[in-house]
């Protein structure tokens, strides 16, 4: 994990920024897996996050995956926990970054608090 949830100090611009998700570094082209079962409610582009996928898990829970190279699922499709839903983009240095955000009733929650992100 290279970008943590919550208030952080940007080292380049020397300002505080609020991260509503985490950034996870992985090899270029790595597979993106759904964090839980649910239904795809959005696939498209979002300014600042590139290609984005949103999965609704029920009970007001959503997962948001950004900065992807592409997705293998479509809006309205059911997905299983752990199912491959896309891949990270190719990068000349061999590393890419996934943006992951979790929301409960519209409020961002720290993915590291509920998912095993440190392996």
N, C-alpha and C. Protein backbone atom coordinates (compact mmCIF):
# COMPACT_ATOMS: atom_id res chain seq x y z
N UNK A 1 0.85 -1.16 0.00
CA UNK A 1 0.00 0.00 0.00
C UNK A 1 0.90 1.23 0.00
N UNK A 2 0.74 2.07 -1.01
CA UNK A 2 1.60 3.25 -1.12
C UNK A 2 0.87 4.55 -0.79
N UNK A 3 -0.44 4.51 -0.75
CA UNK A 3 -1.25 5.68 -0.39
C UNK A 3 -2.26 5.27 0.65
N UNK A 4 -2.19 5.89 1.81
CA UNK A 4 -3.07 5.51 2.93
C UNK A 4 -4.34 6.34 2.98
N UNK A 5 -5.32 5.81 3.68
CA UNK A 5 -6.62 6.45 3.89
C UNK A 5 -6.47 7.60 4.88
N UNK A 6 -7.27 8.63 4.70
CA UNK A 6 -7.34 9.74 5.66
C UNK A 6 -6.48 10.92 5.25
N UNK A 7 -6.31 11.83 6.19
CA UNK A 7 -5.57 13.06 5.94
C UNK A 7 -4.08 12.75 5.83
N UNK A 8 -3.48 13.24 4.75
CA UNK A 8 -2.05 13.03 4.48
C UNK A 8 -1.43 14.36 4.05
N UNK A 9 -0.16 14.48 4.24
CA UNK A 9 0.58 15.67 3.78
C UNK A 9 1.20 15.34 2.43
N UNK A 10 0.85 16.11 1.40
CA UNK A 10 1.42 15.92 0.08
C UNK A 10 2.85 16.44 0.08
N UNK A 11 3.85 15.55 -0.19
CA UNK A 11 5.24 15.98 -0.12
C UNK A 11 5.65 16.93 -1.26
N UNK A 12 4.96 16.86 -2.38
CA UNK A 12 5.30 17.71 -3.52
C UNK A 12 4.77 19.13 -3.34
N UNK A 13 3.48 19.24 -2.96
CA UNK A 13 2.84 20.55 -2.85
C UNK A 13 2.78 21.08 -1.42
N UNK A 14 3.20 20.26 -0.45
CA UNK A 14 3.23 20.65 0.96
C UNK A 14 1.87 21.16 1.45
N UNK A 15 0.83 20.39 1.13
CA UNK A 15 -0.53 20.70 1.58
C UNK A 15 -1.16 19.42 2.11
N UNK A 16 -2.17 19.57 2.96
CA UNK A 16 -2.92 18.42 3.45
C UNK A 16 -3.95 18.00 2.41
N UNK A 17 -4.05 16.70 2.18
CA UNK A 17 -5.07 16.14 1.28
C UNK A 17 -5.83 15.05 2.01
N UNK A 18 -7.08 14.89 1.67
CA UNK A 18 -7.92 13.87 2.29
C UNK A 18 -8.09 12.71 1.31
N UNK A 19 -7.52 11.56 1.64
CA UNK A 19 -7.66 10.36 0.82
C UNK A 19 -8.87 9.57 1.30
N UNK A 20 -9.83 9.33 0.40
CA UNK A 20 -11.03 8.59 0.75
C UNK A 20 -10.89 7.11 0.43
N UNK A 21 -9.70 6.73 -0.01
CA UNK A 21 -9.40 5.34 -0.31
C UNK A 21 -7.93 5.09 -0.09
N UNK A 22 -7.45 3.97 -0.62
CA UNK A 22 -6.02 3.64 -0.54
C UNK A 22 -5.50 3.39 -1.95
N UNK A 23 -4.19 3.50 -2.11
CA UNK A 23 -3.55 3.18 -3.37
C UNK A 23 -2.63 2.00 -3.13
N UNK A 24 -2.77 1.00 -4.00
CA UNK A 24 -2.04 -0.25 -3.86
C UNK A 24 -1.17 -0.46 -5.10
N UNK A 25 0.14 -0.54 -4.89
CA UNK A 25 1.05 -0.78 -6.01
C UNK A 25 1.09 -2.27 -6.32
N UNK A 26 1.07 -2.58 -7.61
CA UNK A 26 1.11 -3.98 -8.07
C UNK A 26 1.81 -4.02 -9.43
N UNK A 27 2.18 -5.21 -9.89
CA UNK A 27 2.80 -5.31 -11.21
C UNK A 27 1.85 -4.84 -12.32
N UNK A 28 2.40 -4.26 -13.36
CA UNK A 28 1.60 -3.85 -14.51
C UNK A 28 0.76 -5.02 -15.01
N UNK A 29 -0.48 -4.73 -15.34
CA UNK A 29 -1.37 -5.75 -15.87
C UNK A 29 -1.94 -6.70 -14.84
N UNK A 30 -1.65 -6.48 -13.55
CA UNK A 30 -2.17 -7.36 -12.50
C UNK A 30 -3.69 -7.40 -12.53
N UNK A 31 -4.22 -8.54 -12.17
CA UNK A 31 -5.68 -8.73 -12.14
C UNK A 31 -6.27 -8.03 -10.93
N UNK A 32 -7.42 -7.38 -11.14
CA UNK A 32 -8.18 -6.75 -10.07
C UNK A 32 -9.30 -7.72 -9.69
N UNK A 33 -9.43 -8.01 -8.40
CA UNK A 33 -10.44 -8.94 -7.91
C UNK A 33 -11.49 -8.18 -7.08
N UNK A 34 -12.74 -8.59 -7.19
CA UNK A 34 -13.81 -7.99 -6.38
C UNK A 34 -13.57 -8.33 -4.91
N UNK A 35 -13.78 -7.34 -4.03
CA UNK A 35 -13.56 -7.57 -2.60
C UNK A 35 -14.71 -8.35 -1.97
N UNK A 36 -15.84 -8.41 -2.64
CA UNK A 36 -16.99 -9.15 -2.13
C UNK A 36 -18.01 -9.34 -3.23
N UNK A 37 -19.01 -10.20 -2.98
CA UNK A 37 -20.03 -10.41 -4.01
C UNK A 37 -20.93 -9.19 -4.09
N UNK A 38 -21.46 -8.97 -5.28
CA UNK A 38 -22.34 -7.83 -5.47
C UNK A 38 -22.74 -7.66 -6.91
N UNK A 39 -23.19 -6.46 -7.24
CA UNK A 39 -23.63 -6.13 -8.59
C UNK A 39 -22.89 -4.90 -9.08
N UNK A 40 -22.40 -4.95 -10.30
CA UNK A 40 -21.71 -3.81 -10.90
C UNK A 40 -22.75 -2.73 -11.19
N UNK A 41 -22.53 -1.54 -10.61
CA UNK A 41 -23.48 -0.44 -10.82
C UNK A 41 -22.90 0.68 -11.67
N UNK A 42 -21.57 0.65 -11.91
CA UNK A 42 -20.95 1.67 -12.75
C UNK A 42 -19.65 1.15 -13.33
N UNK A 43 -19.47 1.40 -14.62
CA UNK A 43 -18.19 1.16 -15.31
C UNK A 43 -18.01 2.35 -16.24
N UNK A 44 -16.94 3.10 -16.05
CA UNK A 44 -16.70 4.26 -16.89
C UNK A 44 -15.50 5.04 -16.44
N UNK A 45 -15.39 6.26 -16.93
CA UNK A 45 -14.26 7.12 -16.57
C UNK A 45 -14.72 8.21 -15.62
N UNK A 46 -13.84 8.54 -14.67
CA UNK A 46 -14.08 9.60 -13.71
C UNK A 46 -12.83 10.46 -13.65
N UNK A 47 -12.99 11.75 -13.78
CA UNK A 47 -11.86 12.67 -13.75
C UNK A 47 -11.02 12.46 -12.50
N UNK A 48 -9.72 12.32 -12.68
CA UNK A 48 -8.79 12.13 -11.57
C UNK A 48 -8.60 10.68 -11.16
N UNK A 49 -9.50 9.79 -11.61
CA UNK A 49 -9.42 8.38 -11.22
C UNK A 49 -9.33 7.45 -12.43
N UNK A 50 -9.42 8.01 -13.63
CA UNK A 50 -9.34 7.21 -14.84
C UNK A 50 -10.51 6.25 -14.97
N UNK A 51 -10.21 5.03 -15.38
CA UNK A 51 -11.27 4.01 -15.52
C UNK A 51 -11.68 3.52 -14.14
N UNK A 52 -13.00 3.55 -13.91
CA UNK A 52 -13.55 3.25 -12.58
C UNK A 52 -14.64 2.20 -12.67
N UNK A 53 -14.66 1.33 -11.66
CA UNK A 53 -15.69 0.31 -11.49
C UNK A 53 -16.27 0.48 -10.10
N UNK A 54 -17.61 0.44 -9.99
CA UNK A 54 -18.25 0.48 -8.67
C UNK A 54 -19.14 -0.75 -8.54
N UNK A 55 -18.96 -1.47 -7.42
CA UNK A 55 -19.76 -2.65 -7.12
C UNK A 55 -20.58 -2.37 -5.87
N UNK A 56 -21.89 -2.64 -5.97
CA UNK A 56 -22.80 -2.51 -4.82
C UNK A 56 -22.90 -3.88 -4.16
N UNK A 57 -22.63 -3.92 -2.85
CA UNK A 57 -22.61 -5.19 -2.13
C UNK A 57 -23.86 -5.42 -1.28
N UNK A 58 -24.78 -4.46 -1.27
CA UNK A 58 -25.99 -4.56 -0.46
C UNK A 58 -25.81 -3.84 0.86
N UNK A 59 -26.91 -3.53 1.52
CA UNK A 59 -26.90 -2.85 2.82
C UNK A 59 -26.12 -1.55 2.80
N UNK A 60 -26.12 -0.84 1.66
CA UNK A 60 -25.44 0.44 1.56
C UNK A 60 -23.94 0.36 1.42
N UNK A 61 -23.41 -0.83 1.12
CA UNK A 61 -21.95 -1.01 0.97
C UNK A 61 -21.56 -1.02 -0.50
N UNK A 62 -20.48 -0.28 -0.82
CA UNK A 62 -19.97 -0.18 -2.18
C UNK A 62 -18.45 -0.30 -2.16
N UNK A 63 -17.88 -0.86 -3.23
CA UNK A 63 -16.43 -0.82 -3.44
C UNK A 63 -16.18 -0.10 -4.76
N UNK A 64 -15.13 0.73 -4.75
CA UNK A 64 -14.78 1.55 -5.91
C UNK A 64 -13.35 1.22 -6.29
N UNK A 65 -13.14 0.88 -7.56
CA UNK A 65 -11.82 0.52 -8.08
C UNK A 65 -11.46 1.54 -9.16
N UNK A 66 -10.35 2.24 -9.01
CA UNK A 66 -9.97 3.26 -9.97
C UNK A 66 -8.56 3.08 -10.48
N UNK A 67 -8.23 3.86 -11.50
CA UNK A 67 -6.91 3.86 -12.15
C UNK A 67 -6.63 2.54 -12.86
N UNK A 68 -7.67 1.89 -13.33
CA UNK A 68 -7.55 0.58 -13.98
C UNK A 68 -7.18 0.73 -15.45
N UNK A 69 -6.67 -0.37 -16.01
CA UNK A 69 -6.41 -0.43 -17.44
C UNK A 69 -7.67 -0.77 -18.20
N UNK A 70 -8.51 -1.59 -17.58
CA UNK A 70 -9.77 -1.99 -18.18
C UNK A 70 -10.51 -2.94 -17.28
N UNK A 71 -11.78 -3.18 -17.62
CA UNK A 71 -12.62 -4.06 -16.82
C UNK A 71 -13.22 -5.15 -17.69
N UNK A 72 -13.42 -6.31 -17.10
CA UNK A 72 -13.97 -7.46 -17.81
C UNK A 72 -15.43 -7.71 -17.45
N UNK A 73 -16.05 -6.77 -16.73
CA UNK A 73 -17.44 -6.89 -16.32
C UNK A 73 -18.22 -5.68 -16.83
N UNK A 74 -19.53 -5.81 -16.85
CA UNK A 74 -20.40 -4.74 -17.36
C UNK A 74 -21.43 -4.35 -16.31
N UNK A 75 -21.96 -3.15 -16.45
CA UNK A 75 -23.00 -2.67 -15.54
C UNK A 75 -24.17 -3.66 -15.51
N UNK A 76 -24.64 -3.94 -14.29
CA UNK A 76 -25.75 -4.87 -14.10
C UNK A 76 -25.31 -6.31 -13.87
N UNK A 77 -24.04 -6.59 -14.08
CA UNK A 77 -23.53 -7.95 -13.93
C UNK A 77 -23.29 -8.28 -12.45
N UNK A 78 -23.64 -9.50 -12.06
CA UNK A 78 -23.34 -9.99 -10.71
C UNK A 78 -21.89 -10.46 -10.68
N UNK A 79 -21.21 -10.19 -9.56
CA UNK A 79 -19.84 -10.65 -9.39
C UNK A 79 -19.73 -11.39 -8.06
N UNK A 80 -18.83 -12.35 -8.01
CA UNK A 80 -18.57 -13.13 -6.80
C UNK A 80 -17.36 -12.54 -6.07
N UNK A 81 -17.28 -12.80 -4.79
CA UNK A 81 -16.10 -12.39 -4.01
C UNK A 81 -14.86 -13.03 -4.62
N UNK A 82 -13.84 -12.24 -4.87
CA UNK A 82 -12.60 -12.75 -5.43
C UNK A 82 -12.59 -12.89 -6.94
N UNK A 83 -13.73 -12.66 -7.58
CA UNK A 83 -13.80 -12.78 -9.04
C UNK A 83 -12.93 -11.73 -9.72
N UNK A 84 -12.27 -12.11 -10.79
CA UNK A 84 -11.50 -11.15 -11.59
C UNK A 84 -12.47 -10.20 -12.28
N UNK A 85 -12.27 -8.90 -12.08
CA UNK A 85 -13.18 -7.90 -12.65
C UNK A 85 -12.46 -6.95 -13.61
N UNK A 86 -11.13 -7.02 -13.66
CA UNK A 86 -10.37 -6.14 -14.55
C UNK A 86 -8.89 -6.32 -14.36
N UNK A 87 -8.13 -5.37 -14.91
CA UNK A 87 -6.68 -5.44 -14.78
C UNK A 87 -6.12 -4.02 -14.70
N UNK A 88 -4.92 -3.95 -14.14
CA UNK A 88 -4.22 -2.68 -14.06
C UNK A 88 -3.60 -2.37 -15.42
N UNK A 89 -3.30 -1.11 -15.69
CA UNK A 89 -2.70 -0.77 -16.98
C UNK A 89 -1.24 -1.20 -17.06
N UNK A 90 -0.75 -1.29 -18.29
CA UNK A 90 0.67 -1.55 -18.51
C UNK A 90 1.44 -0.28 -18.20
N UNK A 91 2.64 -0.44 -17.71
CA UNK A 91 3.48 0.70 -17.36
C UNK A 91 4.92 0.39 -17.74
N UNK A 92 5.65 1.38 -18.26
CA UNK A 92 7.04 1.13 -18.68
C UNK A 92 7.94 0.63 -17.54
N UNK A 93 7.66 1.04 -16.30
CA UNK A 93 8.51 0.60 -15.19
C UNK A 93 8.04 -0.72 -14.58
N UNK A 94 6.95 -1.28 -15.12
CA UNK A 94 6.48 -2.58 -14.64
C UNK A 94 5.60 -2.52 -13.42
N UNK A 95 5.27 -1.32 -12.95
CA UNK A 95 4.43 -1.17 -11.75
C UNK A 95 3.23 -0.28 -12.07
N UNK A 96 2.09 -0.61 -11.50
CA UNK A 96 0.88 0.19 -11.64
C UNK A 96 0.26 0.38 -10.26
N UNK A 97 -0.73 1.25 -10.18
CA UNK A 97 -1.37 1.55 -8.90
C UNK A 97 -2.88 1.41 -9.04
N UNK A 98 -3.48 0.67 -8.11
CA UNK A 98 -4.93 0.54 -8.03
C UNK A 98 -5.43 1.47 -6.93
N UNK A 99 -6.47 2.24 -7.24
CA UNK A 99 -7.15 3.03 -6.22
C UNK A 99 -8.33 2.20 -5.73
N UNK A 100 -8.45 2.01 -4.42
CA UNK A 100 -9.54 1.24 -3.83
C UNK A 100 -10.22 2.06 -2.75
N UNK A 101 -11.52 2.20 -2.89
CA UNK A 101 -12.32 2.95 -1.91
C UNK A 101 -13.50 2.09 -1.49
N UNK A 102 -13.83 2.11 -0.20
CA UNK A 102 -15.01 1.43 0.31
C UNK A 102 -15.94 2.47 0.90
N UNK A 103 -17.24 2.30 0.67
CA UNK A 103 -18.24 3.23 1.20
C UNK A 103 -19.34 2.46 1.90
N UNK A 104 -19.74 2.98 3.05
CA UNK A 104 -20.86 2.42 3.83
C UNK A 104 -21.83 3.56 4.07
N UNK A 105 -23.04 3.44 3.54
CA UNK A 105 -24.07 4.47 3.67
C UNK A 105 -23.54 5.83 3.23
N UNK A 106 -22.74 5.85 2.15
CA UNK A 106 -22.23 7.09 1.60
C UNK A 106 -20.97 7.63 2.26
N UNK A 107 -20.50 6.98 3.31
CA UNK A 107 -19.31 7.44 4.03
C UNK A 107 -18.12 6.56 3.68
N UNK A 108 -17.00 7.19 3.33
CA UNK A 108 -15.78 6.43 3.03
C UNK A 108 -15.25 5.80 4.30
N UNK A 109 -14.86 4.52 4.20
CA UNK A 109 -14.25 3.81 5.33
C UNK A 109 -12.88 3.30 4.89
N UNK A 110 -11.98 3.13 5.83
CA UNK A 110 -10.61 2.72 5.53
C UNK A 110 -10.59 1.25 5.09
N UNK A 111 -10.23 0.98 3.82
CA UNK A 111 -10.17 -0.41 3.36
C UNK A 111 -9.22 -1.27 4.19
N UNK A 112 -8.13 -0.69 4.68
CA UNK A 112 -7.15 -1.45 5.46
C UNK A 112 -7.73 -1.90 6.80
N UNK A 113 -8.81 -1.27 7.26
CA UNK A 113 -9.43 -1.66 8.53
C UNK A 113 -10.32 -2.89 8.39
N UNK A 114 -10.73 -3.21 7.15
CA UNK A 114 -11.66 -4.33 6.97
C UNK A 114 -11.18 -5.38 5.98
N UNK A 115 -10.10 -5.11 5.25
CA UNK A 115 -9.58 -6.07 4.27
C UNK A 115 -8.12 -6.40 4.58
N UNK A 116 -7.69 -7.61 4.30
CA UNK A 116 -6.28 -7.98 4.53
C UNK A 116 -5.38 -7.42 3.43
N UNK A 117 -5.03 -6.14 3.51
CA UNK A 117 -4.23 -5.51 2.46
C UNK A 117 -2.74 -5.67 2.66
N UNK A 118 -2.31 -6.08 3.84
CA UNK A 118 -0.88 -6.26 4.09
C UNK A 118 -0.57 -7.74 4.02
N UNK A 119 0.06 -8.18 2.95
CA UNK A 119 0.39 -9.59 2.78
C UNK A 119 1.85 -9.73 2.51
